[in-house]
PDB file of all heavy atoms in Angstrom:
ATOM      1  N   ASP A   1     -19.995   7.370  20.838  1.00  0.00           N
ATOM      2  CA  ASP A   1     -18.802   6.651  21.273  1.00  0.00           C
ATOM      3  C   ASP A   1     -17.825   6.554  20.102  1.00  0.00           C
ATOM      4  O   ASP A   1     -18.129   6.956  18.974  1.00  0.00           O
ATOM      5  CB  ASP A   1     -19.170   5.263  21.798  1.00  0.00           C
ATOM      6  CG  ASP A   1     -18.236   4.794  22.904  1.00  0.00           C
ATOM      7  OD1 ASP A   1     -17.104   5.309  22.979  1.00  0.00           O
ATOM      8  OD2 ASP A   1     -18.634   3.913  23.692  1.00  0.00           O
ATOM      9  N   VAL A   2     -16.663   6.006  20.387  1.00  0.00           N
ATOM     10  CA  VAL A   2     -15.574   5.954  19.407  1.00  0.00           C
ATOM     11  C   VAL A   2     -15.561   4.602  18.707  1.00  0.00           C
ATOM     12  O   VAL A   2     -15.394   3.562  19.350  1.00  0.00           O
ATOM     13  CB  VAL A   2     -14.216   6.216  20.095  1.00  0.00           C
ATOM     14  CG1 VAL A   2     -13.074   6.043  19.101  1.00  0.00           C
ATOM     15  CG2 VAL A   2     -14.197   7.611  20.709  1.00  0.00           C
ATOM     16  N   VAL A   3     -15.763   4.618  17.398  1.00  0.00           N
ATOM     17  CA  VAL A   3     -15.648   3.426  16.550  1.00  0.00           C
ATOM     18  C   VAL A   3     -14.856   3.846  15.315  1.00  0.00           C
ATOM     19  O   VAL A   3     -15.423   4.290  14.317  1.00  0.00           O
ATOM     20  CB  VAL A   3     -17.023   2.864  16.146  1.00  0.00           C
ATOM     21  CG1 VAL A   3     -16.853   1.635  15.238  1.00  0.00           C
ATOM     22  CG2 VAL A   3     -17.840   2.495  17.376  1.00  0.00           C
ATOM     23  N   PRO A   4     -13.521   3.763  15.363  1.00  0.00           N
ATOM     24  CA  PRO A   4     -12.718   4.204  14.222  1.00  0.00           C
ATOM     25  C   PRO A   4     -12.726   3.168  13.111  1.00  0.00           C
ATOM     26  O   PRO A   4     -13.337   2.109  13.226  1.00  0.00           O
ATOM     27  CB  PRO A   4     -11.326   4.332  14.829  1.00  0.00           C
ATOM     28  CG  PRO A   4     -11.302   3.296  15.898  1.00  0.00           C
ATOM     29  CD  PRO A   4     -12.697   3.281  16.478  1.00  0.00           C
ATOM     30  N   PHE A   5     -12.055   3.490  12.028  1.00  0.00           N
ATOM     31  CA  PHE A   5     -11.755   2.487  11.015  1.00  0.00           C
ATOM     32  C   PHE A   5     -10.814   1.473  11.647  1.00  0.00           C
ATOM     33  O   PHE A   5     -10.073   1.802  12.577  1.00  0.00           O
ATOM     34  CB  PHE A   5     -11.094   3.155   9.812  1.00  0.00           C
ATOM     35  CG  PHE A   5     -11.300   2.435   8.518  1.00  0.00           C
ATOM     36  CD1 PHE A   5     -12.474   2.583   7.810  1.00  0.00           C
ATOM     37  CD2 PHE A   5     -10.316   1.613   8.003  1.00  0.00           C
ATOM     38  CE1 PHE A   5     -12.665   1.926   6.599  1.00  0.00           C
ATOM     39  CE2 PHE A   5     -10.495   0.948   6.800  1.00  0.00           C
ATOM     40  CZ  PHE A   5     -11.675   1.102   6.095  1.00  0.00           C
ATOM     41  N   GLY A   6     -10.842   0.236  11.156  1.00  0.00           N
ATOM     42  CA  GLY A   6      -9.999  -0.801  11.727  1.00  0.00           C
ATOM     43  C   GLY A   6      -9.158  -1.492  10.675  1.00  0.00           C
ATOM     44  O   GLY A   6      -9.118  -1.086   9.509  1.00  0.00           O
ATOM     45  N   VAL A   7      -8.476  -2.535  11.093  1.00  0.00           N
ATOM     46  CA  VAL A   7      -7.670  -3.345  10.179  1.00  0.00           C
ATOM     47  C   VAL A   7      -8.133  -4.793  10.269  1.00  0.00           C
ATOM     48  O   VAL A   7      -8.671  -5.219  11.296  1.00  0.00           O
ATOM     49  CB  VAL A   7      -6.160  -3.247  10.496  1.00  0.00           C
ATOM     50  CG1 VAL A   7      -5.702  -1.805  10.463  1.00  0.00           C
ATOM     51  CG2 VAL A   7      -5.834  -3.884  11.842  1.00  0.00           C
ATOM     52  N   PRO A   8      -7.948  -5.575   9.203  1.00  0.00           N
ATOM     53  CA  PRO A   8      -8.354  -6.980   9.229  1.00  0.00           C
ATOM     54  C   PRO A   8      -7.587  -7.779  10.281  1.00  0.00           C
ATOM     55  O   PRO A   8      -6.486  -7.397  10.700  1.00  0.00           O
ATOM     56  CB  PRO A   8      -8.026  -7.470   7.814  1.00  0.00           C
ATOM     57  CG  PRO A   8      -7.991  -6.235   6.974  1.00  0.00           C
ATOM     58  CD  PRO A   8      -7.456  -5.162   7.879  1.00  0.00           C
ATOM     59  N   THR A   9      -8.167  -8.906  10.673  1.00  0.00           N
ATOM     60  CA  THR A   9      -7.509  -9.780  11.644  1.00  0.00           C
ATOM     61  C   THR A   9      -6.473 -10.683  10.976  1.00  0.00           C
ATOM     62  O   THR A   9      -5.631 -11.255  11.657  1.00  0.00           O
ATOM     63  CB  THR A   9      -8.553 -10.655  12.360  1.00  0.00           C
ATOM     64  OG1 THR A   9      -9.325 -11.363  11.376  1.00  0.00           O
ATOM     65  CG2 THR A   9      -9.494  -9.795  13.195  1.00  0.00           C
ATOM     66  N   THR A  10      -6.528 -10.791   9.647  1.00  0.00           N
ATOM     67  CA  THR A  10      -5.545 -11.588   8.914  1.00  0.00           C
ATOM     68  C   THR A  10      -4.529 -10.656   8.257  1.00  0.00           C
ATOM     69  O   THR A  10      -4.861  -9.531   7.882  1.00  0.00           O
ATOM     70  CB  THR A  10      -6.221 -12.444   7.836  1.00  0.00           C
ATOM     71  OG1 THR A  10      -6.998 -11.582   6.979  1.00  0.00           O
ATOM     72  CG2 THR A  10      -7.142 -13.470   8.474  1.00  0.00           C
ATOM     73  N   PRO A  11      -3.283 -11.079   8.107  1.00  0.00           N
ATOM     74  CA  PRO A  11      -2.258 -10.195   7.519  1.00  0.00           C
ATOM     75  C   PRO A  11      -2.478 -10.003   6.033  1.00  0.00           C
ATOM     76  O   PRO A  11      -3.233 -10.752   5.394  1.00  0.00           O
ATOM     77  CB  PRO A  11      -0.961 -10.962   7.801  1.00  0.00           C
ATOM     78  CG  PRO A  11      -1.373 -12.393   7.917  1.00  0.00           C
ATOM     79  CD  PRO A  11      -2.736 -12.385   8.528  1.00  0.00           C
ATOM     80  N   PRO A  12      -1.836  -8.985   5.445  1.00  0.00           N
ATOM     81  CA  PRO A  12      -1.956  -8.774   3.994  1.00  0.00           C
ATOM     82  C   PRO A  12      -1.498 -10.004   3.212  1.00  0.00           C
ATOM     83  O   PRO A  12      -0.560 -10.696   3.616  1.00  0.00           O
ATOM     84  CB  PRO A  12      -1.036  -7.579   3.729  1.00  0.00           C
ATOM     85  CG  PRO A  12      -0.859  -6.907   5.045  1.00  0.00           C
ATOM     86  CD  PRO A  12      -0.958  -7.983   6.077  1.00  0.00           C
ATOM     87  N   ALA A  13      -2.187 -10.256   2.103  1.00  0.00           N
ATOM     88  CA  ALA A  13      -1.848 -11.372   1.223  1.00  0.00           C
ATOM     89  C   ALA A  13      -1.375 -10.813  -0.114  1.00  0.00           C
ATOM     90  O   ALA A  13      -1.685  -9.676  -0.469  1.00  0.00           O
ATOM     91  CB  ALA A  13      -3.065 -12.265   1.021  1.00  0.00           C
ATOM     92  N   PRO A  14      -0.612 -11.592  -0.881  1.00  0.00           N
ATOM     93  CA  PRO A  14      -0.128 -11.108  -2.182  1.00  0.00           C
ATOM     94  C   PRO A  14      -1.240 -11.074  -3.226  1.00  0.00           C
ATOM     95  O   PRO A  14      -1.322 -11.923  -4.109  1.00  0.00           O
ATOM     96  CB  PRO A  14       0.968 -12.120  -2.535  1.00  0.00           C
ATOM     97  CG  PRO A  14       0.585 -13.356  -1.802  1.00  0.00           C
ATOM     98  CD  PRO A  14      -0.082 -12.919  -0.535  1.00  0.00           C
ATOM     99  N   VAL A  15      -2.115 -10.079  -3.098  1.00  0.00           N
ATOM    100  CA  VAL A  15      -3.260  -9.914  -3.997  1.00  0.00           C
ATOM    101  C   VAL A  15      -3.103  -8.596  -4.744  1.00  0.00           C
ATOM    102  O   VAL A  15      -2.811  -7.563  -4.145  1.00  0.00           O
ATOM    103  CB  VAL A  15      -4.586  -9.917  -3.212  1.00  0.00           C
ATOM    104  CG1 VAL A  15      -5.760  -9.660  -4.141  1.00  0.00           C
ATOM    105  CG2 VAL A  15      -4.767 -11.239  -2.472  1.00  0.00           C
ATOM    106  N   GLY A  16      -3.308  -8.618  -6.063  1.00  0.00           N
ATOM    107  CA  GLY A  16      -3.233  -7.404  -6.861  1.00  0.00           C
ATOM    108  C   GLY A  16      -1.841  -7.176  -7.419  1.00  0.00           C
ATOM    109  O   GLY A  16      -0.855  -7.808  -7.020  1.00  0.00           O
ATOM    110  N   ALA A  17      -1.763  -6.250  -8.358  1.00  0.00           N
ATOM    111  CA  ALA A  17      -0.483  -5.905  -8.980  1.00  0.00           C
ATOM    112  C   ALA A  17       0.332  -5.044  -8.036  1.00  0.00           C
ATOM    113  O   ALA A  17      -0.141  -4.022  -7.544  1.00  0.00           O
ATOM    114  CB  ALA A  17      -0.721  -5.172 -10.298  1.00  0.00           C
ATOM    115  N   GLY A  18       1.566  -5.461  -7.782  1.00  0.00           N
ATOM    116  CA  GLY A  18       2.410  -4.739  -6.851  1.00  0.00           C
ATOM    117  C   GLY A  18       3.224  -3.643  -7.522  1.00  0.00           C
ATOM    118  O   GLY A  18       3.057  -3.348  -8.711  1.00  0.00           O
ATOM    119  N   ILE A  19       4.124  -3.078  -6.756  1.00  0.00           N
ATOM    120  CA  ILE A  19       4.925  -1.958  -7.248  1.00  0.00           C
ATOM    121  C   ILE A  19       5.909  -2.415  -8.324  1.00  0.00           C
ATOM    122  O   ILE A  19       6.070  -1.774  -9.364  1.00  0.00           O
ATOM    123  CB  ILE A  19       5.659  -1.285  -6.070  1.00  0.00           C
ATOM    124  CG1 ILE A  19       4.630  -0.593  -5.167  1.00  0.00           C
ATOM    125  CG2 ILE A  19       6.692  -0.282  -6.573  1.00  0.00           C
ATOM    126  CD1 ILE A  19       5.191  -0.107  -3.853  1.00  0.00           C
ATOM    127  N   THR A  20       6.574  -3.541  -8.090  1.00  0.00           N
ATOM    128  CA  THR A  20       7.569  -4.005  -9.056  1.00  0.00           C
ATOM    129  C   THR A  20       6.909  -4.453 -10.358  1.00  0.00           C
ATOM    130  O   THR A  20       7.528  -4.378 -11.427  1.00  0.00           O
ATOM    131  CB  THR A  20       8.412  -5.144  -8.467  1.00  0.00           C
ATOM    132  OG1 THR A  20       7.542  -6.197  -8.019  1.00  0.00           O
ATOM    133  CG2 THR A  20       9.231  -4.649  -7.286  1.00  0.00           C
ATOM    134  N   THR A  21       5.673  -4.925 -10.288  1.00  0.00           N
ATOM    135  CA  THR A  21       4.942  -5.294 -11.507  1.00  0.00           C
ATOM    136  C   THR A  21       4.539  -4.061 -12.290  1.00  0.00           C
ATOM    137  O   THR A  21       4.658  -4.006 -13.518  1.00  0.00           O
ATOM    138  CB  THR A  21       3.687  -6.113 -11.145  1.00  0.00           C
ATOM    139  OG1 THR A  21       4.082  -7.298 -10.459  1.00  0.00           O
ATOM    140  CG2 THR A  21       2.900  -6.485 -12.391  1.00  0.00           C
ATOM    141  N   ARG A  22       4.060  -3.052 -11.590  1.00  0.00           N
ATOM    142  CA  ARG A  22       3.599  -1.823 -12.249  1.00  0.00           C
ATOM    143  C   ARG A  22       4.771  -0.988 -12.775  1.00  0.00           C
ATOM    144  O   ARG A  22       4.628  -0.277 -13.773  1.00  0.00           O
ATOM    145  CB  ARG A  22       2.779  -0.994 -11.262  1.00  0.00           C
ATOM    146  CG  ARG A  22       1.460  -1.647 -10.854  1.00  0.00           C
ATOM    147  CD  ARG A  22       0.797  -0.867  -9.717  1.00  0.00           C
ATOM    148  NE  ARG A  22      -0.429  -1.494  -9.266  1.00  0.00           N
ATOM    149  CZ  ARG A  22      -1.632  -1.254  -9.771  1.00  0.00           C
ATOM    150  NH1 ARG A  22      -1.758  -0.386 -10.753  1.00  0.00           N
ATOM    151  NH2 ARG A  22      -2.701  -1.865  -9.294  1.00  0.00           N
ATOM    152  N   PHE A  23       5.902  -1.052 -12.084  1.00  0.00           N
ATOM    153  CA  PHE A  23       7.058  -0.232 -12.447  1.00  0.00           C
ATOM    154  C   PHE A  23       8.288  -1.133 -12.552  1.00  0.00           C
ATOM    155  O   PHE A  23       9.006  -1.331 -11.570  1.00  0.00           O
ATOM    156  CB  PHE A  23       7.294   0.869 -11.412  1.00  0.00           C
ATOM    157  CG  PHE A  23       6.108   1.760 -11.188  1.00  0.00           C
ATOM    158  CD1 PHE A  23       5.329   1.628 -10.049  1.00  0.00           C
ATOM    159  CD2 PHE A  23       5.751   2.730 -12.127  1.00  0.00           C
ATOM    160  CE1 PHE A  23       4.232   2.444  -9.838  1.00  0.00           C
ATOM    161  CE2 PHE A  23       4.664   3.559 -11.922  1.00  0.00           C
ATOM    162  CZ  PHE A  23       3.890   3.413 -10.775  1.00  0.00           C
ATOM    163  N   PRO A  24       8.542  -1.710 -13.733  1.00  0.00           N
ATOM    164  CA  PRO A  24       9.659  -2.646 -13.887  1.00  0.00           C
ATOM    165  C   PRO A  24      11.006  -2.048 -13.498  1.00  0.00           C
ATOM    166  O   PRO A  24      11.941  -2.790 -13.144  1.00  0.00           O
ATOM    167  CB  PRO A  24       9.612  -2.999 -15.379  1.00  0.00           C
ATOM    168  CG  PRO A  24       8.178  -2.781 -15.767  1.00  0.00           C
ATOM    169  CD  PRO A  24       7.730  -1.609 -14.955  1.00  0.00           C
ATOM    170  N   ARG A  25      11.136  -0.712 -13.538  1.00  0.00           N
ATOM    171  CA  ARG A  25      12.411  -0.098 -13.175  1.00  0.00           C
ATOM    172  C   ARG A  25      12.694  -0.210 -11.686  1.00  0.00           C
ATOM    173  O   ARG A  25      13.832   0.011 -11.257  1.00  0.00           O
ATOM    174  CB  ARG A  25      12.420   1.369 -13.585  1.00  0.00           C
ATOM    175  CG  ARG A  25      11.541   2.265 -12.729  1.00  0.00           C
ATOM    176  CD  ARG A  25      11.545   3.714 -13.195  1.00  0.00           C
ATOM    177  NE  ARG A  25      10.893   3.836 -14.494  1.00  0.00           N
ATOM    178  CZ  ARG A  25      10.740   4.991 -15.135  1.00  0.00           C
ATOM    179  NH1 ARG A  25      11.220   6.099 -14.623  1.00  0.00           N
ATOM    180  NH2 ARG A  25      10.122   5.033 -16.291  1.00  0.00           N
ATOM    181  N   VAL A  26      11.683  -0.530 -10.883  1.00  0.00           N
ATOM    182  CA  VAL A  26      11.871  -0.681  -9.441  1.00  0.00           C
ATOM    183  C   VAL A  26      12.361  -2.099  -9.172  1.00  0.00           C
ATOM    184  O   VAL A  26      11.660  -3.084  -9.452  1.00  0.00           O
ATOM    185  CB  VAL A  26      10.568  -0.408  -8.667  1.00  0.00           C
ATOM    186  CG1 VAL A  26      10.797  -0.580  -7.164  1.00  0.00           C
ATOM    187  CG2 VAL A  26      10.060   0.996  -8.971  1.00  0.00           C
ATOM    188  N   GLY A  27      13.543  -2.202  -8.622  1.00  0.00           N
ATOM    189  CA  GLY A  27      14.090  -3.520  -8.318  1.00  0.00           C
ATOM    190  C   GLY A  27      13.535  -4.067  -7.014  1.00  0.00           C
ATOM    191  O   GLY A  27      13.043  -3.320  -6.160  1.00  0.00           O
ATOM    192  N   PRO A  28      13.602  -5.383  -6.813  1.00  0.00           N
ATOM    193  CA  PRO A  28      13.037  -5.996  -5.600  1.00  0.00           C
ATOM    194  C   PRO A  28      13.693  -5.515  -4.312  1.00  0.00           C
ATOM    195  O   PRO A  28      13.091  -5.598  -3.236  1.00  0.00           O
ATOM    196  CB  PRO A  28      13.262  -7.494  -5.823  1.00  0.00           C
ATOM    197  CG  PRO A  28      14.331  -7.585  -6.865  1.00  0.00           C
ATOM    198  CD  PRO A  28      14.188  -6.378  -7.718  1.00  0.00           C
ATOM    199  N   GLY A  29      14.910  -4.998  -4.386  1.00  0.00           N
ATOM    200  CA  GLY A  29      15.567  -4.527  -3.174  1.00  0.00           C
ATOM    201  C   GLY A  29      15.531  -3.018  -2.996  1.00  0.00           C
ATOM    202  O   GLY A  29      16.060  -2.484  -2.006  1.00  0.00           O
ATOM    203  N   ASP A  30      14.888  -2.302  -3.924  1.00  0.00           N
ATOM    204  CA  ASP A  30      14.858  -0.845  -3.831  1.00  0.00           C
ATOM    205  C   ASP A  30      13.961  -0.397  -2.671  1.00  0.00           C
ATOM    206  O   ASP A  30      12.845  -0.911  -2.522  1.00  0.00           O
ATOM    207  CB  ASP A  30      14.328  -0.223  -5.123  1.00  0.00           C
ATOM    208  CG  ASP A  30      15.310  -0.352  -6.279  1.00  0.00           C
ATOM    209  OD1 ASP A  30      16.479  -0.676  -6.011  1.00  0.00           O
ATOM    210  OD2 ASP A  30      14.898  -0.139  -7.436  1.00  0.00           O
ATOM    211  N   PRO A  31      14.414   0.552  -1.851  1.00  0.00           N
ATOM    212  CA  PRO A  31      13.559   1.077  -0.788  1.00  0.00           C
ATOM    213  C   PRO A  31      12.433   1.929  -1.375  1.00  0.00           C
ATOM    214  O   PRO A  31      12.683   2.810  -2.211  1.00  0.00           O
ATOM    215  CB  PRO A  31      14.512   1.917   0.071  1.00  0.00           C
ATOM    216  CG  PRO A  31      15.661   2.241  -0.808  1.00  0.00           C
ATOM    217  CD  PRO A  31      15.765   1.145  -1.822  1.00  0.00           C
ATOM    218  N   VAL A  32      11.203   1.654  -0.963  1.00  0.00           N
ATOM    219  CA  VAL A  32      10.029   2.302  -1.543  1.00  0.00           C
ATOM    220  C   VAL A  32       9.227   3.003  -0.458  1.00  0.00           C
ATOM    221  O   VAL A  32       8.833   2.379   0.545  1.00  0.00           O
ATOM    222  CB  VAL A  32       9.126   1.276  -2.267  1.00  0.00           C
ATOM    223  CG1 VAL A  32       7.840   1.945  -2.747  1.00  0.00           C
ATOM    224  CG2 VAL A  32       9.860   0.648  -3.437  1.00  0.00           C
ATOM    225  N   LEU A  33       8.981   4.292  -0.659  1.00  0.00           N
ATOM    226  CA  LEU A  33       8.050   5.051   0.169  1.00  0.00           C
ATOM    227  C   LEU A  33       6.691   5.004  -0.514  1.00  0.00           C
ATOM    228  O   LEU A  33       6.573   5.354  -1.686  1.00  0.00           O
ATOM    229  CB  LEU A  33       8.493   6.506   0.298  1.00  0.00           C
ATOM    230  CG  LEU A  33       9.960   6.782   0.660  1.00  0.00           C
ATOM    231  CD1 LEU A  33      10.246   8.282   0.586  1.00  0.00           C
ATOM    232  CD2 LEU A  33      10.272   6.242   2.047  1.00  0.00           C
ATOM    233  N   LEU A  34       5.652   4.577   0.205  1.00  0.00           N
ATOM    234  CA  LEU A  34       4.315   4.438  -0.393  1.00  0.00           C
ATOM    235  C   LEU A  34       3.354   5.464   0.191  1.00  0.00           C
ATOM    236  O   LEU A  34       3.147   5.519   1.403  1.00  0.00           O
ATOM    237  CB  LEU A  34       3.759   3.031  -0.147  1.00  0.00           C
ATOM    238  CG  LEU A  34       2.349   2.786  -0.703  1.00  0.00           C
ATOM    239  CD1 LEU A  34       2.346   2.844  -2.239  1.00  0.00           C
ATOM    240  CD2 LEU A  34       1.798   1.443  -0.226  1.00  0.00           C
ATOM    241  N   TRP A  35       2.799   6.290  -0.694  1.00  0.00           N
ATOM    242  CA  TRP A  35       1.693   7.201  -0.347  1.00  0.00           C
ATOM    243  C   TRP A  35       0.412   6.457  -0.701  1.00  0.00           C
ATOM    244  O   TRP A  35       0.036   6.360  -1.861  1.00  0.00           O
ATOM    245  CB  TRP A  35       1.839   8.494  -1.143  1.00  0.00           C
ATOM    246  CG  TRP A  35       0.748   9.517  -0.949  1.00  0.00           C
ATOM    247  CD1 TRP A  35      -0.507   9.491  -1.491  1.00  0.00           C
ATOM    248  CD2 TRP A  35       0.813  10.724  -0.174  1.00  0.00           C
ATOM    249  NE1 TRP A  35      -1.225  10.597  -1.114  1.00  0.00           N
ATOM    250  CE2 TRP A  35      -0.438  11.372  -0.304  1.00  0.00           C
ATOM    251  CE3 TRP A  35       1.802  11.314   0.600  1.00  0.00           C
ATOM    252  CZ2 TRP A  35      -0.720  12.589   0.323  1.00  0.00           C
ATOM    253  CZ3 TRP A  35       1.525  12.525   1.229  1.00  0.00           C
ATOM    254  CH2 TRP A  35       0.283  13.144   1.091  1.00  0.00           C
ATOM    255  N   GLY A  36      -0.263   5.916   0.277  1.00  0.00           N
ATOM    256  CA  GLY A  36      -1.318   4.938   0.019  1.00  0.00           C
ATOM    257  C   GLY A  36      -2.718   5.477  -0.047  1.00  0.00           C
ATOM    258  O   GLY A  36      -3.636   4.876   0.525  1.00  0.00           O
ATOM    259  N   GLY A  37      -2.947   6.582  -0.739  1.00  0.00           N
ATOM    260  CA  GLY A  37      -4.307   7.098  -0.855  1.00  0.00           C
ATOM    261  C   GLY A  37      -4.355   8.345  -1.711  1.00  0.00           C
ATOM    262  O   GLY A  37      -3.354   8.748  -2.316  1.00  0.00           O
ATOM    263  N   GLY A  38      -5.526   8.973  -1.773  1.00  0.00           N
ATOM    264  CA  GLY A  38      -5.721  10.136  -2.618  1.00  0.00           C
ATOM    265  C   GLY A  38      -4.856  11.325  -2.220  1.00  0.00           C
ATOM    266  O   GLY A  38      -4.339  11.407  -1.106  1.00  0.00           O
ATOM    267  N   ILE A  39      -4.712  12.256  -3.159  1.00  0.00           N
ATOM    268  CA  ILE A  39      -3.947  13.487  -2.923  1.00  0.00           C
ATOM    269  C   ILE A  39      -4.953  14.632  -2.836  1.00  0.00           C
ATOM    270  O   ILE A  39      -5.482  15.087  -3.858  1.00  0.00           O
ATOM    271  CB  ILE A  39      -2.932  13.741  -4.058  1.00  0.00           C
ATOM    272  CG1 ILE A  39      -1.999  12.536  -4.216  1.00  0.00           C
ATOM    273  CG2 ILE A  39      -2.125  14.996  -3.776  1.00  0.00           C
ATOM    274  CD1 ILE A  39      -1.042  12.651  -5.389  1.00  0.00           C
ATOM    275  N   TYR A  40      -5.220  15.069  -1.615  1.00  0.00           N
ATOM    276  CA  TYR A  40      -6.258  16.064  -1.377  1.00  0.00           C
ATOM    277  C   TYR A  40      -5.648  17.360  -0.846  1.00  0.00           C
ATOM    278  O   TYR A  40      -4.495  17.387  -0.389  1.00  0.00           O
ATOM    279  CB  TYR A  40      -7.306  15.506  -0.408  1.00  0.00           C
ATOM    280  CG  TYR A  40      -7.863  14.169  -0.837  1.00  0.00           C
ATOM    281  CD1 TYR A  40      -7.937  13.094   0.055  1.00  0.00           C
ATOM    282  CD2 TYR A  40      -8.287  13.962  -2.148  1.00  0.00           C
ATOM    283  CE1 TYR A  40      -8.433  11.865  -0.356  1.00  0.00           C
ATOM    284  CE2 TYR A  40      -8.787  12.737  -2.558  1.00  0.00           C
ATOM    285  CZ  TYR A  40      -8.860  11.688  -1.658  1.00  0.00           C
ATOM    286  OH  TYR A  40      -9.346  10.463  -2.060  1.00  0.00           O
ATOM    287  N   ASP A  41      -6.450  18.421  -0.862  1.00  0.00           N
ATOM    288  CA  ASP A  41      -5.904  19.749  -0.590  1.00  0.00           C
ATOM    289  C   ASP A  41      -5.477  19.971   0.849  1.00  0.00           C
ATOM    290  O   ASP A  41      -4.797  20.957   1.136  1.00  0.00           O
ATOM    291  CB  ASP A  41      -6.930  20.824  -0.993  1.00  0.00           C
ATOM    292  CG  ASP A  41      -6.992  21.035  -2.498  1.00  0.00           C
ATOM    293  OD1 ASP A  41      -6.164  20.437  -3.207  1.00  0.00           O
ATOM    294  OD2 ASP A  41      -7.864  21.789  -2.957  1.00  0.00           O
ATOM    295  N   TRP A  42      -5.888  19.113   1.765  1.00  0.00           N
ATOM    296  CA  TRP A  42      -5.449  19.270   3.155  1.00  0.00           C
ATOM    297  C   TRP A  42      -4.138  18.526   3.421  1.00  0.00           C
ATOM    298  O   TRP A  42      -3.598  18.588   4.509  1.00  0.00           O
ATOM    299  CB  TRP A  42      -6.531  18.812   4.132  1.00  0.00           C
ATOM    300  CG  TRP A  42      -7.205  17.530   3.748  1.00  0.00           C
ATOM    301  CD1 TRP A  42      -6.839  16.266   4.111  1.00  0.00           C
ATOM    302  CD2 TRP A  42      -8.369  17.393   2.931  1.00  0.00           C
ATOM    303  NE1 TRP A  42      -7.693  15.350   3.562  1.00  0.00           N
ATOM    304  CE2 TRP A  42      -8.655  16.012   2.834  1.00  0.00           C
ATOM    305  CE3 TRP A  42      -9.204  18.299   2.264  1.00  0.00           C
ATOM    306  CZ2 TRP A  42      -9.736  15.525   2.102  1.00  0.00           C
ATOM    307  CZ3 TRP A  42     -10.281  17.800   1.536  1.00  0.00           C
ATOM    308  CH2 TRP A  42     -10.536  16.429   1.458  1.00  0.00           C
TER     309      TRP A  42
END
């Protein structure tokens, strides 16, 4: 049967270092495209 990966029942929380923290040149209003995982050959 089908049992895919899922998502939590609670929304994301401000945990961990974000983009603006890691890259000070990124301003809080800058539009950001996020590639959220590994870079693989497929």
